[in-house]
Protein backbone atom coordinates (compact mmCIF):
# COMPACT_ATOMS: atom_id res chain seq x y z
CA MET A 1 127.54 123.73 116.27
CA SER A 2 127.51 121.50 113.19
CA VAL A 3 129.81 122.30 110.25
CA ALA A 4 128.55 121.85 106.70
CA PRO A 5 130.48 119.13 104.83
CA ASP A 6 132.11 119.71 101.47
CA ASP A 7 130.13 116.81 99.96
CA GLU A 8 127.68 114.07 100.86
CA THR A 9 127.47 110.60 99.30
CA TRP A 10 125.17 107.71 100.07
CA LEU A 11 126.76 104.33 99.74
CA SER A 12 124.76 101.10 99.56
CA ALA A 13 125.57 98.29 101.93
CA ALA A 14 124.14 94.87 102.60
CA ALA A 15 121.84 94.59 105.61
CA SER A 16 120.37 91.42 107.13
CA GLY A 17 116.75 91.29 108.25
CA ARG A 18 115.39 88.98 110.94
CA VAL A 19 112.25 87.07 109.91
CA LEU A 20 110.12 84.95 112.27
CA VAL A 21 107.51 82.43 111.12
CA THR A 22 104.75 80.39 112.69
CA GLU A 23 103.06 77.48 110.90
CA ALA A 24 99.28 77.34 110.52
CA SER A 25 97.79 74.92 112.96
CA GLN A 26 95.41 73.46 110.37
CA PRO A 27 96.53 70.83 107.85
CA GLN A 28 95.30 72.88 104.88
CA ALA A 29 96.54 76.42 105.31
CA ARG A 30 94.37 79.23 103.95
CA GLY A 31 97.32 81.41 103.00
CA ILE A 32 100.21 83.51 104.31
CA VAL A 33 99.96 86.64 106.47
CA ILE A 34 103.02 88.93 106.39
CA LEU A 35 103.04 91.17 109.47
CA PHE A 36 104.83 94.52 109.60
CA HIS A 37 105.34 95.85 113.15
CA GLY A 38 105.23 99.46 114.22
CA TYR A 39 108.01 101.93 115.18
CA ALA A 40 110.28 100.62 117.96
CA GLY A 41 108.51 97.27 117.69
CA ARG A 42 110.02 93.83 117.33
CA ALA A 43 109.04 90.81 115.27
CA ASP A 44 108.68 88.71 118.42
CA ASP A 45 105.97 90.92 119.88
CA MET A 46 104.03 91.30 116.62
CA LEU A 47 104.09 87.58 116.03
CA ALA A 48 102.87 86.87 119.56
CA ASP A 49 100.00 89.33 119.14
CA ALA A 50 98.90 87.79 115.85
CA ARG A 51 99.42 84.13 116.81
CA PRO A 52 95.65 83.39 116.96
CA LEU A 53 95.60 83.82 113.17
CA ALA A 54 97.66 80.63 112.93
CA ALA A 55 94.88 78.76 114.74
CA ALA A 56 92.53 80.14 112.04
CA GLY A 57 94.61 78.48 109.33
CA TRP A 58 97.14 81.13 108.29
CA HIS A 59 100.91 80.78 108.08
CA LEU A 60 102.46 83.81 109.75
CA CYS A 61 105.62 85.60 108.67
CA CYS A 62 106.85 88.58 110.69
CA PRO A 63 109.92 90.46 109.38
CA GLU A 64 111.78 92.82 111.70
CA ALA A 65 112.63 96.29 110.34
CA LEU A 66 116.26 96.73 109.17
CA HIS A 67 117.11 99.60 111.46
CA ARG A 68 117.54 98.36 115.04
CA PHE A 69 118.25 100.57 118.06
CA TYR A 70 118.07 100.60 121.85
CA ARG A 71 114.73 101.90 123.02
CA LYS A 72 115.04 105.15 124.93
CA GLY A 73 114.51 104.85 128.68
CA THR A 74 114.93 101.08 128.79
CA ARG A 75 117.63 98.71 130.00
CA ASN A 76 119.03 97.77 126.57
CA GLU A 77 115.67 96.77 125.09
CA ILE A 78 115.86 96.67 121.32
CA GLY A 79 113.34 98.13 118.89
CA ALA A 80 113.38 98.60 115.13
CA SER A 81 112.30 101.22 112.59
CA TRP A 82 111.41 100.96 108.95
CA MET A 83 112.65 104.43 107.98
CA THR A 84 112.97 108.09 108.92
CA LYS A 85 112.60 111.26 106.86
CA HIS A 86 116.40 111.37 106.51
CA GLY A 87 117.52 109.41 103.46
CA ARG A 88 113.95 108.33 102.86
CA GLU A 89 114.45 107.38 99.20
CA HIS A 90 117.28 105.05 100.12
CA ASP A 91 115.25 103.33 102.83
CA LEU A 92 112.34 102.98 100.39
CA ALA A 93 114.58 101.12 97.98
CA ALA A 94 116.08 98.92 100.70
CA ASN A 95 112.65 98.03 102.05
CA HIS A 96 111.35 97.31 98.56
CA ALA A 97 114.13 94.73 98.06
CA TYR A 98 113.58 93.36 101.58
CA ARG A 99 109.83 92.77 100.98
CA ALA A 100 110.61 90.92 97.77
CA ARG A 101 113.03 88.68 99.63
CA ILE A 102 110.41 88.09 102.36
CA LEU A 103 107.84 86.98 99.80
CA ALA A 104 110.37 84.64 98.10
CA HIS A 105 111.18 83.16 101.54
CA CYS A 106 107.48 82.55 102.22
CA HIS A 107 106.90 80.92 98.82
CA GLN A 108 109.96 78.74 99.20
CA ARG A 109 108.71 77.57 102.61
CA TRP A 110 104.98 77.25 101.93
CA GLY A 111 104.43 77.37 98.18
CA GLU A 112 102.30 79.71 96.12
CA LEU A 113 99.56 80.42 98.63
CA PRO A 114 97.44 83.59 98.82
CA VAL A 115 99.35 86.41 100.63
CA VAL A 116 97.90 89.06 102.92
CA ALA A 117 99.92 92.07 104.07
CA VAL A 118 99.16 93.44 107.54
CA GLY A 119 100.80 96.49 109.05
CA PHE A 120 100.48 98.29 112.36
CA SER A 121 101.37 102.00 112.87
CA GLN A 122 104.61 102.67 110.93
CA GLY A 123 104.29 99.14 109.57
CA ALA A 124 101.00 100.10 107.88
CA ALA A 125 103.00 101.99 105.30
CA GLN A 126 104.99 98.86 104.57
CA ALA A 127 101.78 96.92 103.93
CA TRP A 128 100.65 99.62 101.51
CA TYR A 129 104.04 99.66 99.78
CA ALA A 130 103.74 95.89 99.36
CA THR A 131 100.66 96.47 97.13
CA THR A 132 102.94 98.24 94.58
CA HIS A 133 105.01 95.16 93.74
CA LEU A 134 103.78 92.03 95.51
CA PRO A 135 100.80 89.88 94.38
CA LEU A 136 98.50 90.32 97.39
CA SER A 137 95.10 88.88 98.07
CA ALA A 138 94.31 91.52 100.70
CA ILE A 139 95.88 94.41 102.63
CA ILE A 140 95.08 95.35 106.25
CA ALA A 141 96.32 98.62 107.73
CA CYS A 142 96.02 99.23 111.46
CA GLY A 143 96.60 102.67 112.92
CA GLY A 144 98.68 104.10 110.08
CA GLN A 145 98.25 106.31 107.02
CA ILE A 146 98.61 105.46 103.35
CA PRO A 147 102.08 106.74 102.44
CA PRO A 148 102.39 109.49 99.82
CA GLU A 149 103.80 107.17 97.14
CA CYS A 150 100.62 105.02 97.26
CA ARG A 151 98.00 107.76 97.25
CA THR A 152 97.55 108.44 93.52
CA ALA A 153 97.81 105.06 91.83
CA ALA A 154 96.47 101.59 92.42
CA PRO A 155 97.49 98.15 91.16
CA SER A 156 95.62 96.99 88.05
CA THR A 157 93.56 94.76 90.32
CA PRO A 158 93.62 96.33 93.79
CA PRO A 159 93.39 93.78 96.61
CA PRO A 160 90.54 94.25 99.12
CA ALA A 161 91.59 96.56 101.94
CA LEU A 162 90.67 96.81 105.60
CA ILE A 163 91.50 99.91 107.67
CA LEU A 164 91.41 99.53 111.46
CA ARG A 165 91.61 102.42 113.87
CA GLY A 166 91.30 102.70 117.65
CA GLU A 167 88.48 105.05 118.64
CA ARG A 168 90.89 107.10 120.84
CA ASP A 169 93.92 106.90 118.53
CA ARG A 170 95.75 110.25 118.65
CA PHE A 171 98.42 109.21 116.12
CA TYR A 172 96.01 108.05 113.39
CA THR A 173 93.06 110.37 113.67
CA ALA A 174 89.54 109.94 112.36
CA GLU A 175 90.27 112.75 109.89
CA GLN A 176 93.32 110.89 108.56
CA ARG A 177 91.33 107.72 108.27
CA ASP A 178 88.56 109.49 106.36
CA ALA A 179 91.16 111.04 104.02
CA ASP A 180 92.60 107.59 103.34
CA CYS A 181 89.14 106.24 102.57
CA ALA A 182 88.51 109.12 100.18
CA ARG A 183 91.83 108.37 98.37
CA LEU A 184 90.89 104.71 98.00
CA ALA A 185 87.40 105.61 96.74
CA ALA A 186 88.95 107.90 94.11
CA LEU A 187 91.08 104.96 92.94
CA ASN A 188 88.08 102.55 92.88
CA TRP A 189 89.93 100.50 95.48
CA PRO A 190 87.55 98.27 97.49
CA ALA A 191 87.97 99.10 101.17
CA GLU A 192 86.23 98.67 104.48
CA THR A 193 86.87 100.31 107.86
CA ARG A 194 86.42 99.24 111.45
CA ASP A 195 86.60 101.30 114.62
CA LEU A 196 87.99 99.37 117.57
CA PRO A 197 87.99 100.14 121.30
CA GLY A 198 91.03 101.87 122.71
CA GLY A 199 93.82 103.99 121.28
CA HIS A 200 97.02 103.45 119.30
CA ALA A 201 97.71 99.85 120.21
CA TRP A 202 97.38 96.27 118.92
CA ARG A 203 95.06 94.32 121.21
CA ALA A 204 93.35 90.94 121.17
CA HIS A 205 90.29 92.53 119.50
CA THR A 206 92.57 93.75 116.70
CA THR A 207 93.57 90.16 115.87
CA ALA A 208 89.96 89.07 116.20
CA ALA A 209 88.74 91.75 113.77
CA ILE A 210 91.40 90.72 111.26
CA SER A 211 90.48 87.03 111.60
CA ASP A 212 86.77 87.70 111.15
CA TRP A 213 87.34 89.91 108.12
CA LEU A 214 89.58 87.37 106.44
CA ALA A 215 87.04 84.62 107.15
CA ALA A 216 84.28 86.69 105.54
CA LEU A 217 86.53 87.54 102.60
CA SER A 218 87.06 83.91 101.70
């Protein structure tokens, strides 16, 4: 049985985030895509899944979430999480600062190119949070809801948005997707949706849908 403490204090501490990059395979890059993986994901896997975007002319940057852990039921496989409901406001602040550092890293490496935020599952929230303080050219959310902090206000010039959902996704339902679309419409936020085959997973057709949408956008 747990015993209630006499007091609780949250102390800030420095944390290091792992960031992987892949160069665009075309001489004139179209821009930068920042990729936020899902719960228990890793930057390596997300970057591998999205690598065809580099062939389409995009520099890729994939940060790993700050909270790493051993995946349950595996032989010491590591995953990472962006936040939990416990201490949420502190994780929000830490991730806010982390995203700003990620953008600065991208600009230092590649210059002031257009930036697109892409998030899958839990990482979709990070892509939406990025719209609150980063100058984005577009935002793409795959299989994840708009977080509460982003539901009632939009940037002065909202970037075009694409919402992707697997037809059999049990974690991001059609009802949740429709609610997100209604929220964006109420904010006059330009958005499109695509239904993809399968469930709650990033597949080759996910990358293809993103590549096609970005090509049409430009």
